[in-house]
Amino acid sequence: MTYQDRGIKKWQGFFLSEHNEQMDQQQDSTKLKWRKTMSSECIESVLSTAITHQSTLVIQKKPLNDDAFPEPDVVGKIAGVEEELIYIRTATEVISVPLFSILNVEERTVEKWYK
């Protein structure tokens, strides 16, 4: 009776733990983190610059409670402003964001593909 080798199947146990470690590292790098709290003057300055240049914004909202995780960022351009609301046009919809709920806002710079 001859033994038939199963090929790569017998090595799958060795790859599993390394694969799990790699997946954990990828998840850690994609987790959302709280950014630094900006003052209202800094937020207004960034927003006015974005309106002038029609640039894309990345907005992180304040937490609803103390132990909350960060919500996904709102990324888009300013579509309009009405009293204490700012309307952001994302890729799929228009979202209203109250000014008091903004924790951090940044202008997104476009990197050139040919650099």
C-alpha atoms as a PDB file:
ATOM      1  CA  MET A   1       0.000   0.000   0.000  1.00  0.00           C
ATOM      2  CA  THR A   2       1.410   3.320  -1.036  1.00  0.00           C
ATOM      3  CA  TYR A   3       0.865   6.599   0.775  1.00  0.00           C
ATOM      4  CA  GLN A   4      -0.800   9.368  -1.267  1.00  0.00           C
ATOM      5  CA  ASP A   5       0.525  12.817  -0.313  1.00  0.00           C
ATOM      6  CA  ARG A   6      -2.161  15.429   0.340  1.00  0.00           C
ATOM      7  CA  GLY A   7       0.075  18.236  -0.905  1.00  0.00           C
ATOM      8  CA  ILE A   8      -0.490  21.693   0.559  1.00  0.00           C
ATOM      9  CA  LYS A   9      -3.447  20.610   2.712  1.00  0.00           C
ATOM     10  CA  LYS A  10      -1.210  19.239   5.433  1.00  0.00           C
ATOM     11  CA  TRP A  11       0.464  22.667   5.856  1.00  0.00           C
ATOM     12  CA  GLN A  12      -2.703  24.680   6.460  1.00  0.00           C
ATOM     13  CA  GLY A  13      -2.336  24.521  10.251  1.00  0.00           C
ATOM     14  CA  PHE A  14       0.985  26.329  10.049  1.00  0.00           C
ATOM     15  CA  PHE A  15      -0.402  29.239   8.070  1.00  0.00           C
ATOM     16  CA  LEU A  16      -3.491  29.824  10.202  1.00  0.00           C
ATOM     17  CA  SER A  17      -1.845  31.511  13.199  1.00  0.00           C
ATOM     18  CA  GLU A  18       0.289  33.769  11.023  1.00  0.00           C
ATOM     19  CA  HIS A  19      -2.725  34.691   8.964  1.00  0.00           C
ATOM     20  CA  ASN A  20      -4.690  35.598  12.114  1.00  0.00           C
ATOM     21  CA  GLU A  21      -1.861  37.857  13.314  1.00  0.00           C
ATOM     22  CA  GLN A  22      -1.746  39.607   9.969  1.00  0.00           C
ATOM     23  CA  MET A  23      -5.510  40.146   9.980  1.00  0.00           C
ATOM     24  CA  ASP A  24      -5.355  41.610  13.517  1.00  0.00           C
ATOM     25  CA  GLN A  25      -2.653  44.056  12.428  1.00  0.00           C
ATOM     26  CA  GLN A  26      -4.755  45.173   9.464  1.00  0.00           C
ATOM     27  CA  GLN A  27      -7.801  45.719  11.679  1.00  0.00           C
ATOM     28  CA  ASP A  28      -5.741  47.781  14.146  1.00  0.00           C
ATOM     29  CA  SER A  29      -4.568  50.064  11.356  1.00  0.00           C
ATOM     30  CA  THR A  30      -8.130  50.612  10.057  1.00  0.00           C
ATOM     31  CA  LYS A  31      -9.759  51.350  13.437  1.00  0.00           C
ATOM     32  CA  LEU A  32     -11.029  54.884  13.780  1.00  0.00           C
ATOM     33  CA  LYS A  33      -9.217  57.033  16.308  1.00  0.00           C
ATOM     34  CA  TRP A  34     -10.240  60.256  18.005  1.00  0.00           C
ATOM     35  CA  ARG A  35      -8.452  63.284  16.640  1.00  0.00           C
ATOM     36  CA  LYS A  36      -7.515  66.398  18.574  1.00  0.00           C
ATOM     37  CA  THR A  37     -10.361  68.723  19.588  1.00  0.00           C
ATOM     38  CA  MET A  38     -10.296  71.978  17.657  1.00  0.00           C
ATOM     39  CA  SER A  39     -11.472  75.344  18.937  1.00  0.00           C
ATOM     40  CA  SER A  40     -14.509  76.937  17.297  1.00  0.00           C
ATOM     41  CA  GLU A  41     -12.284  79.661  15.790  1.00  0.00           C
ATOM     42  CA  CYS A  42     -10.054  77.065  14.113  1.00  0.00           C
ATOM     43  CA  ILE A  43     -13.077  75.156  12.817  1.00  0.00           C
ATOM     44  CA  GLU A  44     -14.591  78.332  11.353  1.00  0.00           C
ATOM     45  CA  SER A  45     -11.260  79.228   9.739  1.00  0.00           C
ATOM     46  CA  VAL A  46     -10.958  75.833   8.035  1.00  0.00           C
ATOM     47  CA  LEU A  47     -14.597  75.957   6.908  1.00  0.00           C
ATOM     48  CA  SER A  48     -14.261  79.449   5.427  1.00  0.00           C
ATOM     49  CA  THR A  49     -11.105  78.414   3.562  1.00  0.00           C
ATOM     50  CA  ALA A  50     -12.898  75.331   2.234  1.00  0.00           C
ATOM     51  CA  ILE A  51     -15.819  77.459   1.024  1.00  0.00           C
ATOM     52  CA  THR A  52     -13.430  79.828  -0.752  1.00  0.00           C
ATOM     53  CA  HIS A  53     -11.375  77.097  -2.431  1.00  0.00           C
ATOM     54  CA  GLN A  54     -14.214  74.565  -2.895  1.00  0.00           C
ATOM     55  CA  SER A  55     -11.982  71.920  -1.322  1.00  0.00           C
ATOM     56  CA  THR A  56     -12.948  68.576   0.157  1.00  0.00           C
ATOM     57  CA  LEU A  57     -13.368  68.344   3.936  1.00  0.00           C
ATOM     58  CA  VAL A  58     -12.917  65.500   6.401  1.00  0.00           C
ATOM     59  CA  ILE A  59     -15.150  66.056   9.448  1.00  0.00           C
ATOM     60  CA  GLN A  60     -15.087  64.070  12.668  1.00  0.00           C
ATOM     61  CA  LYS A  61     -18.111  64.536  14.923  1.00  0.00           C
ATOM     62  CA  LYS A  62     -18.036  64.821  18.710  1.00  0.00           C
ATOM     63  CA  PRO A  63     -18.932  61.706  20.720  1.00  0.00           C
ATOM     64  CA  LEU A  64     -22.513  61.317  21.858  1.00  0.00           C
ATOM     65  CA  ASN A  65     -21.336  60.032  25.259  1.00  0.00           C
ATOM     66  CA  ASP A  66     -18.002  59.623  27.047  1.00  0.00           C
ATOM     67  CA  ASP A  67     -17.246  56.014  26.104  1.00  0.00           C
ATOM     68  CA  ALA A  68     -18.460  56.170  22.483  1.00  0.00           C
ATOM     69  CA  PHE A  69     -16.382  55.031  19.546  1.00  0.00           C
ATOM     70  CA  PRO A  70     -15.727  57.485  16.705  1.00  0.00           C
ATOM     71  CA  GLU A  71     -18.274  57.531  13.922  1.00  0.00           C
ATOM     72  CA  PRO A  72     -16.981  57.264  10.352  1.00  0.00           C
ATOM     73  CA  ASP A  73     -15.735  60.597   9.037  1.00  0.00           C
ATOM     74  CA  VAL A  74     -17.944  62.776   6.872  1.00  0.00           C
ATOM     75  CA  VAL A  75     -16.012  63.407   3.659  1.00  0.00           C
ATOM     76  CA  GLY A  76     -17.260  65.839   1.044  1.00  0.00           C
ATOM     77  CA  LYS A  77     -17.577  69.416  -0.127  1.00  0.00           C
ATOM     78  CA  ILE A  78     -19.692  72.159   1.393  1.00  0.00           C
ATOM     79  CA  ALA A  79     -23.030  72.379  -0.423  1.00  0.00           C
ATOM     80  CA  GLY A  80     -24.518  75.120   1.748  1.00  0.00           C
ATOM     81  CA  VAL A  81     -24.746  76.765   5.149  1.00  0.00           C
ATOM     82  CA  GLU A  82     -27.907  77.622   7.068  1.00  0.00           C
ATOM     83  CA  GLU A  83     -27.667  79.180  10.546  1.00  0.00           C
ATOM     84  CA  GLU A  84     -26.008  76.474  12.694  1.00  0.00           C
ATOM     85  CA  LEU A  85     -26.104  73.720  10.038  1.00  0.00           C
ATOM     86  CA  ILE A  86     -23.557  72.979   7.373  1.00  0.00           C
ATOM     87  CA  TYR A  87     -24.554  70.798   4.417  1.00  0.00           C
ATOM     88  CA  ILE A  88     -21.874  68.444   3.085  1.00  0.00           C
ATOM     89  CA  ARG A  89     -22.212  66.819  -0.333  1.00  0.00           C
ATOM     90  CA  THR A  90     -20.650  63.367  -0.106  1.00  0.00           C
ATOM     91  CA  ALA A  91     -20.232  60.916  -2.978  1.00  0.00           C
ATOM     92  CA  THR A  92     -23.769  59.574  -2.507  1.00  0.00           C
ATOM     93  CA  GLU A  93     -25.850  62.110  -0.554  1.00  0.00           C
ATOM     94  CA  VAL A  94     -26.090  65.486   1.173  1.00  0.00           C
ATOM     95  CA  ILE A  95     -25.608  65.346   4.947  1.00  0.00           C
ATOM     96  CA  SER A  96     -26.435  68.108   7.427  1.00  0.00           C
ATOM     97  CA  VAL A  97     -23.902  68.566  10.228  1.00  0.00           C
ATOM     98  CA  PRO A  98     -24.572  70.922  13.157  1.00  0.00           C
ATOM     99  CA  LEU A  99     -21.602  73.233  13.750  1.00  0.00           C
ATOM    100  CA  PHE A 100     -21.558  72.463  17.485  1.00  0.00           C
ATOM    101  CA  SER A 101     -21.116  68.729  16.782  1.00  0.00           C
ATOM    102  CA  ILE A 102     -17.802  69.120  14.902  1.00  0.00           C
ATOM    103  CA  LEU A 103     -14.802  67.842  16.858  1.00  0.00           C
ATOM    104  CA  ASN A 104     -12.184  68.132  14.125  1.00  0.00           C
ATOM    105  CA  VAL A 105     -12.210  69.269  10.511  1.00  0.00           C
ATOM    106  CA  GLU A 106      -9.430  69.078   7.927  1.00  0.00           C
ATOM    107  CA  GLU A 107      -9.067  70.000   4.305  1.00  0.00           C
ATOM    108  CA  ARG A 108      -8.255  66.941   2.238  1.00  0.00           C
ATOM    109  CA  THR A 109      -5.368  67.517  -0.101  1.00  0.00           C
ATOM    110  CA  VAL A 110      -5.279  65.758  -3.424  1.00  0.00           C
ATOM    111  CA  GLU A 111      -2.068  63.888  -4.007  1.00  0.00           C
ATOM    112  CA  LYS A 112      -0.796  63.804  -7.552  1.00  0.00           C
ATOM    113  CA  TRP A 113      -0.638  60.308  -8.990  1.00  0.00           C
ATOM    114  CA  TYR A 114       2.489  61.133 -10.969  1.00  0.00           C
ATOM    115  CA  LYS A 115       4.753  62.111  -8.035  1.00  0.00           C
END
